[in-house]
């Protein structure tokens, strides 16, 4: 059983760490995609998957991952970032990890979506963030 002081500690430090770790995943993978493939390389990959408007989709993917991840880490507009990342991750499961060979990746993404739902339900937590709600 967890004591009230431990629960309070988790509400401040744990929520900060939790949203930062989820944000770090998106930020690092987005920056890595940008540096390794660039927009044109990612556009080619998306085009090969049959994604329409692959150039625009590539820009949206990179912006969502990088800005959404940074937003979660910084605690800025956390609700908007979590919503955008939830939708992005859902679309990734539907359009990318949609076969049995991709089952593990799909399940990992569903788990990430669960964490994003917690952020949406409970907010950024009582820990540090760049902007606090009024």
N, C-alpha and C. Protein backbone atom coordinates (compact mmCIF):
# COMPACT_ATOMS: atom_id res chain seq x y z
N UNK A 1 0.85 -1.18 0.00
CA UNK A 1 0.00 0.00 0.00
C UNK A 1 0.89 1.25 0.00
N UNK A 2 0.51 2.21 -0.77
CA UNK A 2 1.31 3.42 -0.90
C UNK A 2 0.83 4.46 0.11
N UNK A 3 1.79 5.09 0.78
CA UNK A 3 1.44 6.13 1.74
C UNK A 3 1.03 7.40 1.00
N UNK A 4 0.39 8.29 1.72
CA UNK A 4 -0.05 9.55 1.11
C UNK A 4 1.15 10.40 0.68
N UNK A 5 2.24 10.35 1.44
CA UNK A 5 3.43 11.13 1.05
C UNK A 5 4.05 10.58 -0.25
N UNK A 6 4.02 9.27 -0.41
CA UNK A 6 4.52 8.67 -1.65
C UNK A 6 3.61 9.06 -2.82
N UNK A 7 2.32 9.05 -2.58
CA UNK A 7 1.36 9.41 -3.63
C UNK A 7 1.55 10.88 -4.03
N UNK A 8 1.77 11.75 -3.06
CA UNK A 8 2.02 13.16 -3.33
C UNK A 8 3.31 13.33 -4.15
N UNK A 9 4.34 12.58 -3.76
CA UNK A 9 5.60 12.62 -4.50
C UNK A 9 5.38 12.21 -5.96
N UNK A 10 4.61 11.14 -6.17
CA UNK A 10 4.34 10.69 -7.54
C UNK A 10 3.53 11.71 -8.33
N UNK A 11 2.63 12.42 -7.65
CA UNK A 11 1.84 13.43 -8.36
C UNK A 11 2.69 14.60 -8.82
N UNK A 12 3.79 14.85 -8.14
CA UNK A 12 4.65 15.95 -8.56
C UNK A 12 5.78 15.43 -9.45
N UNK A 13 6.60 14.57 -8.94
CA UNK A 13 7.77 14.10 -9.69
C UNK A 13 7.43 12.99 -10.68
N UNK A 14 6.54 12.10 -10.32
CA UNK A 14 6.21 10.98 -11.19
C UNK A 14 5.50 11.40 -12.46
N UNK A 15 4.56 12.32 -12.33
CA UNK A 15 3.85 12.77 -13.53
C UNK A 15 4.78 13.55 -14.45
N UNK A 16 5.66 14.33 -13.87
CA UNK A 16 6.66 15.05 -14.67
C UNK A 16 7.54 14.06 -15.41
N UNK A 17 8.03 13.05 -14.71
CA UNK A 17 8.89 12.06 -15.34
C UNK A 17 8.11 11.27 -16.39
N UNK A 18 6.89 10.89 -16.09
CA UNK A 18 6.08 10.12 -17.03
C UNK A 18 5.84 10.86 -18.33
N UNK A 19 5.38 12.10 -18.24
CA UNK A 19 5.11 12.85 -19.48
C UNK A 19 6.40 13.20 -20.19
N UNK A 20 7.49 13.40 -19.45
CA UNK A 20 8.78 13.68 -20.09
C UNK A 20 9.31 12.46 -20.85
N UNK A 21 9.13 11.27 -20.29
CA UNK A 21 9.59 10.06 -20.96
C UNK A 21 8.80 9.80 -22.23
N UNK A 22 7.49 10.00 -22.19
CA UNK A 22 6.68 9.84 -23.40
C UNK A 22 7.08 10.91 -24.42
N UNK A 23 7.26 12.14 -23.95
CA UNK A 23 7.68 13.22 -24.85
C UNK A 23 9.04 12.95 -25.46
N UNK A 24 9.96 12.40 -24.66
CA UNK A 24 11.30 12.10 -25.15
C UNK A 24 11.27 11.09 -26.29
N UNK A 25 10.41 10.10 -26.18
CA UNK A 25 10.27 9.11 -27.24
C UNK A 25 9.92 9.78 -28.57
N UNK A 26 8.93 10.67 -28.55
CA UNK A 26 8.51 11.34 -29.78
C UNK A 26 9.56 12.33 -30.26
N UNK A 27 10.13 13.11 -29.35
CA UNK A 27 11.12 14.12 -29.74
C UNK A 27 12.35 13.48 -30.38
N UNK A 28 12.90 12.48 -29.72
CA UNK A 28 14.12 11.84 -30.23
C UNK A 28 13.85 11.12 -31.55
N UNK A 29 12.72 10.42 -31.65
CA UNK A 29 12.45 9.71 -32.90
C UNK A 29 12.18 10.70 -34.04
N UNK A 30 11.53 11.82 -33.75
CA UNK A 30 11.28 12.83 -34.77
C UNK A 30 12.56 13.49 -35.25
N UNK A 31 13.43 13.87 -34.32
CA UNK A 31 14.71 14.48 -34.69
C UNK A 31 15.57 13.48 -35.45
N UNK A 32 15.56 12.22 -35.01
CA UNK A 32 16.32 11.18 -35.69
C UNK A 32 15.83 11.00 -37.12
N UNK A 33 14.51 10.98 -37.31
CA UNK A 33 13.95 10.87 -38.67
C UNK A 33 14.38 12.06 -39.53
N UNK A 34 14.30 13.24 -38.95
CA UNK A 34 14.66 14.45 -39.68
C UNK A 34 16.12 14.41 -40.12
N UNK A 35 17.01 14.02 -39.20
CA UNK A 35 18.44 14.02 -39.50
C UNK A 35 18.84 12.87 -40.41
N UNK A 36 18.20 11.72 -40.28
CA UNK A 36 18.61 10.56 -41.07
C UNK A 36 17.97 10.53 -42.46
N UNK A 37 16.70 10.94 -42.55
CA UNK A 37 15.98 10.85 -43.83
C UNK A 37 15.67 12.21 -44.43
N UNK A 38 15.44 13.16 -43.58
CA UNK A 38 14.97 14.46 -44.06
C UNK A 38 13.52 14.35 -44.50
N UNK A 39 12.95 15.47 -44.86
CA UNK A 39 11.56 15.50 -45.29
C UNK A 39 11.38 14.69 -46.57
N UNK A 40 12.32 14.84 -47.51
CA UNK A 40 12.17 14.14 -48.80
C UNK A 40 12.29 12.63 -48.63
N UNK A 41 13.19 12.17 -47.80
CA UNK A 41 13.32 10.73 -47.56
C UNK A 41 12.09 10.15 -46.91
N UNK A 42 11.56 10.84 -45.89
CA UNK A 42 10.35 10.37 -45.23
C UNK A 42 9.17 10.43 -46.20
N UNK A 43 9.13 11.45 -47.03
CA UNK A 43 8.08 11.56 -48.03
C UNK A 43 8.10 10.35 -48.97
N UNK A 44 9.30 9.92 -49.36
CA UNK A 44 9.43 8.74 -50.22
C UNK A 44 8.94 7.47 -49.54
N UNK A 45 9.27 7.32 -48.26
CA UNK A 45 8.80 6.16 -47.51
C UNK A 45 7.27 6.16 -47.43
N UNK A 46 6.70 7.30 -47.11
CA UNK A 46 5.25 7.41 -46.99
C UNK A 46 4.57 7.18 -48.34
N UNK A 47 5.17 7.69 -49.40
CA UNK A 47 4.64 7.49 -50.75
C UNK A 47 4.64 6.01 -51.10
N UNK A 48 5.71 5.31 -50.72
CA UNK A 48 5.81 3.88 -50.97
C UNK A 48 4.76 3.07 -50.21
N UNK A 49 4.24 3.63 -49.13
CA UNK A 49 3.18 2.97 -48.37
C UNK A 49 1.80 3.32 -48.91
N UNK A 50 1.77 4.18 -49.92
CA UNK A 50 0.50 4.56 -50.50
C UNK A 50 -0.19 5.71 -49.78
N UNK A 51 0.56 6.43 -48.94
CA UNK A 51 0.01 7.58 -48.22
C UNK A 51 -0.11 8.75 -49.21
N UNK A 52 -1.32 9.30 -49.40
CA UNK A 52 -1.47 10.43 -50.32
C UNK A 52 -0.83 11.69 -49.75
N UNK A 53 -0.49 12.62 -50.62
CA UNK A 53 0.14 13.88 -50.22
C UNK A 53 1.32 13.62 -49.30
N UNK A 54 2.21 12.73 -49.73
CA UNK A 54 3.29 12.26 -48.87
C UNK A 54 4.23 13.38 -48.41
N UNK A 55 4.43 14.39 -49.23
CA UNK A 55 5.28 15.51 -48.82
C UNK A 55 4.69 16.26 -47.65
N UNK A 56 3.40 16.58 -47.75
CA UNK A 56 2.70 17.24 -46.65
C UNK A 56 2.64 16.33 -45.43
N UNK A 57 2.37 15.05 -45.66
CA UNK A 57 2.30 14.09 -44.55
C UNK A 57 3.64 14.01 -43.82
N UNK A 58 4.75 14.03 -44.57
CA UNK A 58 6.08 13.97 -43.95
C UNK A 58 6.32 15.17 -43.04
N UNK A 59 5.97 16.35 -43.52
CA UNK A 59 6.13 17.56 -42.70
C UNK A 59 5.26 17.46 -41.44
N UNK A 60 4.03 16.99 -41.60
CA UNK A 60 3.13 16.86 -40.45
C UNK A 60 3.63 15.82 -39.44
N UNK A 61 4.16 14.72 -39.94
CA UNK A 61 4.71 13.68 -39.05
C UNK A 61 5.86 14.26 -38.24
N UNK A 62 6.80 14.89 -38.92
CA UNK A 62 7.97 15.44 -38.22
C UNK A 62 7.58 16.54 -37.24
N UNK A 63 6.71 17.43 -37.66
CA UNK A 63 6.28 18.51 -36.77
C UNK A 63 5.54 17.97 -35.56
N UNK A 64 4.66 17.00 -35.77
CA UNK A 64 3.90 16.43 -34.66
C UNK A 64 4.81 15.75 -33.66
N UNK A 65 5.75 14.94 -34.16
CA UNK A 65 6.65 14.22 -33.26
C UNK A 65 7.56 15.18 -32.49
N UNK A 66 8.18 16.12 -33.21
CA UNK A 66 9.16 17.01 -32.57
C UNK A 66 8.48 18.02 -31.66
N UNK A 67 7.49 18.72 -32.18
CA UNK A 67 6.82 19.75 -31.36
C UNK A 67 5.97 19.14 -30.26
N UNK A 68 5.27 18.04 -30.56
CA UNK A 68 4.46 17.39 -29.54
C UNK A 68 5.32 16.83 -28.42
N UNK A 69 6.42 16.19 -28.78
CA UNK A 69 7.33 15.64 -27.77
C UNK A 69 7.93 16.74 -26.90
N UNK A 70 8.39 17.81 -27.53
CA UNK A 70 8.97 18.93 -26.78
C UNK A 70 7.92 19.56 -25.87
N UNK A 71 6.71 19.66 -26.35
CA UNK A 71 5.63 20.25 -25.56
C UNK A 71 5.34 19.43 -24.30
N UNK A 72 5.34 18.10 -24.44
CA UNK A 72 5.13 17.26 -23.26
C UNK A 72 6.26 17.43 -22.25
N UNK A 73 7.48 17.45 -22.74
CA UNK A 73 8.64 17.59 -21.85
C UNK A 73 8.60 18.94 -21.13
N UNK A 74 8.30 20.00 -21.86
CA UNK A 74 8.30 21.34 -21.27
C UNK A 74 7.03 21.64 -20.47
N UNK A 75 6.01 20.85 -20.68
CA UNK A 75 4.76 21.10 -19.98
C UNK A 75 3.99 22.27 -20.57
N UNK A 76 4.13 22.50 -21.85
CA UNK A 76 3.47 23.61 -22.52
C UNK A 76 2.38 23.06 -23.42
N UNK A 77 1.14 23.51 -23.19
CA UNK A 77 0.00 23.04 -23.99
C UNK A 77 -0.04 21.52 -24.04
N UNK A 78 0.07 20.93 -22.87
CA UNK A 78 0.16 19.48 -22.74
C UNK A 78 -1.07 18.78 -23.31
N UNK A 79 -2.26 19.33 -23.06
CA UNK A 79 -3.48 18.70 -23.59
C UNK A 79 -3.46 18.65 -25.11
N UNK A 80 -3.10 19.74 -25.75
CA UNK A 80 -3.04 19.79 -27.22
C UNK A 80 -2.00 18.81 -27.75
N UNK A 81 -0.85 18.77 -27.11
CA UNK A 81 0.21 17.87 -27.55
C UNK A 81 -0.22 16.42 -27.39
N UNK A 82 -0.81 16.08 -26.25
CA UNK A 82 -1.24 14.70 -26.01
C UNK A 82 -2.32 14.29 -27.01
N UNK A 83 -3.24 15.20 -27.32
CA UNK A 83 -4.28 14.88 -28.31
C UNK A 83 -3.67 14.64 -29.69
N UNK A 84 -2.78 15.53 -30.11
CA UNK A 84 -2.15 15.39 -31.42
C UNK A 84 -1.33 14.10 -31.50
N UNK A 85 -0.58 13.80 -30.45
CA UNK A 85 0.24 12.60 -30.45
C UNK A 85 -0.62 11.34 -30.38
N UNK A 86 -1.74 11.41 -29.67
CA UNK A 86 -2.67 10.27 -29.62
C UNK A 86 -3.20 9.97 -31.02
N UNK A 87 -3.67 11.00 -31.71
CA UNK A 87 -4.21 10.82 -33.07
C UNK A 87 -3.11 10.33 -34.01
N UNK A 88 -1.93 10.92 -33.92
CA UNK A 88 -0.81 10.50 -34.75
C UNK A 88 -0.49 9.02 -34.52
N UNK A 89 -0.43 8.61 -33.25
CA UNK A 89 -0.10 7.23 -32.93
C UNK A 89 -1.19 6.27 -33.38
N UNK A 90 -2.44 6.68 -33.25
CA UNK A 90 -3.55 5.87 -33.76
C UNK A 90 -3.43 5.68 -35.27
N UNK A 91 -3.15 6.75 -35.98
CA UNK A 91 -2.99 6.67 -37.43
C UNK A 91 -1.80 5.79 -37.81
N UNK A 92 -0.76 5.82 -37.00
CA UNK A 92 0.41 4.97 -37.24
C UNK A 92 0.03 3.49 -37.11
N UNK A 93 -0.76 3.17 -36.11
CA UNK A 93 -1.22 1.78 -35.94
C UNK A 93 -2.08 1.37 -37.13
N UNK A 94 -2.98 2.24 -37.54
CA UNK A 94 -3.91 1.90 -38.62
C UNK A 94 -3.20 1.77 -39.97
N UNK A 95 -2.28 2.68 -40.28
CA UNK A 95 -1.69 2.72 -41.62
C UNK A 95 -0.31 2.07 -41.74
N UNK A 96 0.41 1.92 -40.63
CA UNK A 96 1.77 1.39 -40.71
C UNK A 96 1.89 0.01 -40.06
N UNK A 97 1.46 -0.11 -38.82
CA UNK A 97 1.59 -1.37 -38.08
C UNK A 97 0.28 -2.15 -38.15
N UNK A 98 -0.15 -2.46 -39.36
CA UNK A 98 -1.48 -3.02 -39.54
C UNK A 98 -1.48 -4.47 -40.05
N UNK A 99 -0.41 -5.20 -39.74
CA UNK A 99 -0.38 -6.61 -40.12
C UNK A 99 0.28 -7.41 -39.01
N UNK A 100 0.23 -8.73 -39.12
CA UNK A 100 0.73 -9.59 -38.04
C UNK A 100 2.24 -9.43 -37.82
N UNK A 101 2.98 -9.10 -38.85
CA UNK A 101 4.43 -8.90 -38.69
C UNK A 101 4.72 -7.66 -37.85
N UNK A 102 3.78 -6.76 -37.78
CA UNK A 102 3.95 -5.51 -37.04
C UNK A 102 3.19 -5.52 -35.72
N UNK A 103 2.76 -6.70 -35.26
CA UNK A 103 1.92 -6.78 -34.06
C UNK A 103 2.60 -6.19 -32.83
N UNK A 104 3.86 -6.51 -32.61
CA UNK A 104 4.56 -5.99 -31.43
C UNK A 104 4.65 -4.46 -31.48
N UNK A 105 4.96 -3.91 -32.63
CA UNK A 105 5.02 -2.45 -32.77
C UNK A 105 3.64 -1.84 -32.54
N UNK A 106 2.61 -2.50 -33.06
CA UNK A 106 1.25 -1.99 -32.85
C UNK A 106 0.89 -2.00 -31.37
N UNK A 107 1.24 -3.06 -30.66
CA UNK A 107 0.94 -3.14 -29.23
C UNK A 107 1.72 -2.10 -28.44
N UNK A 108 2.95 -1.85 -28.81
CA UNK A 108 3.73 -0.79 -28.15
C UNK A 108 3.06 0.56 -28.37
N UNK A 109 2.61 0.81 -29.59
CA UNK A 109 1.94 2.07 -29.85
C UNK A 109 0.63 2.18 -29.09
N UNK A 110 -0.10 1.08 -28.96
CA UNK A 110 -1.33 1.11 -28.16
C UNK A 110 -1.01 1.42 -26.69
N UNK A 111 0.11 0.92 -26.19
CA UNK A 111 0.52 1.23 -24.83
C UNK A 111 0.86 2.71 -24.67
N UNK A 112 1.55 3.26 -25.65
CA UNK A 112 1.86 4.69 -25.64
C UNK A 112 0.57 5.50 -25.65
N UNK A 113 -0.40 5.05 -26.45
CA UNK A 113 -1.70 5.73 -26.48
C UNK A 113 -2.35 5.71 -25.10
N UNK A 114 -2.19 4.60 -24.36
CA UNK A 114 -2.71 4.53 -23.00
C UNK A 114 -2.08 5.58 -22.11
N UNK A 115 -0.76 5.76 -22.23
CA UNK A 115 -0.09 6.81 -21.46
C UNK A 115 -0.57 8.20 -21.84
N UNK A 116 -0.79 8.41 -23.11
CA UNK A 116 -1.30 9.71 -23.57
C UNK A 116 -2.72 9.95 -23.05
N UNK A 117 -3.53 8.90 -22.97
CA UNK A 117 -4.88 9.04 -22.39
C UNK A 117 -4.80 9.45 -20.92
N UNK A 118 -3.84 8.89 -20.20
CA UNK A 118 -3.66 9.31 -18.80
C UNK A 118 -3.31 10.79 -18.72
N UNK A 119 -2.44 11.25 -19.59
CA UNK A 119 -2.08 12.67 -19.60
C UNK A 119 -3.31 13.51 -19.90
N UNK A 120 -4.11 13.07 -20.87
CA UNK A 120 -5.33 13.81 -21.21
C UNK A 120 -6.32 13.81 -20.04
N UNK A 121 -6.43 12.69 -19.36
CA UNK A 121 -7.40 12.58 -18.27
C UNK A 121 -6.97 13.36 -17.03
N UNK A 122 -5.69 13.31 -16.70
CA UNK A 122 -5.22 13.88 -15.43
C UNK A 122 -4.37 15.14 -15.59
N UNK A 123 -4.13 15.56 -16.82
CA UNK A 123 -3.36 16.78 -17.03
C UNK A 123 -1.88 16.55 -16.85
N UNK A 124 -1.12 17.62 -16.84
CA UNK A 124 0.34 17.53 -16.79
C UNK A 124 0.89 17.16 -15.43
N UNK A 125 0.04 17.13 -14.41
CA UNK A 125 0.51 16.83 -13.06
C UNK A 125 0.93 18.09 -12.33
N UNK A 126 1.33 17.89 -11.09
CA UNK A 126 1.70 19.03 -10.24
C UNK A 126 3.18 19.38 -10.34
N UNK A 127 3.93 18.63 -11.11
CA UNK A 127 5.36 18.90 -11.26
C UNK A 127 5.61 20.11 -12.13
N UNK A 128 6.87 20.38 -12.35
CA UNK A 128 7.29 21.56 -13.11
C UNK A 128 6.71 21.52 -14.51
N UNK A 129 6.35 22.71 -14.99
CA UNK A 129 5.99 22.90 -16.39
C UNK A 129 6.19 24.36 -16.75
N UNK A 130 6.37 24.61 -18.02
CA UNK A 130 6.71 25.95 -18.48
C UNK A 130 5.53 26.92 -18.35
N UNK A 131 4.33 26.42 -18.47
CA UNK A 131 3.14 27.27 -18.38
C UNK A 131 2.07 26.56 -17.56
N UNK A 132 1.58 27.22 -16.57
CA UNK A 132 0.52 26.65 -15.73
C UNK A 132 -0.82 27.20 -16.17
N UNK A 133 -1.83 26.36 -16.05
CA UNK A 133 -3.19 26.79 -16.39
C UNK A 133 -3.69 27.79 -15.35
N UNK A 134 -4.56 28.68 -15.79
CA UNK A 134 -5.09 29.70 -14.87
C UNK A 134 -6.13 29.12 -13.94
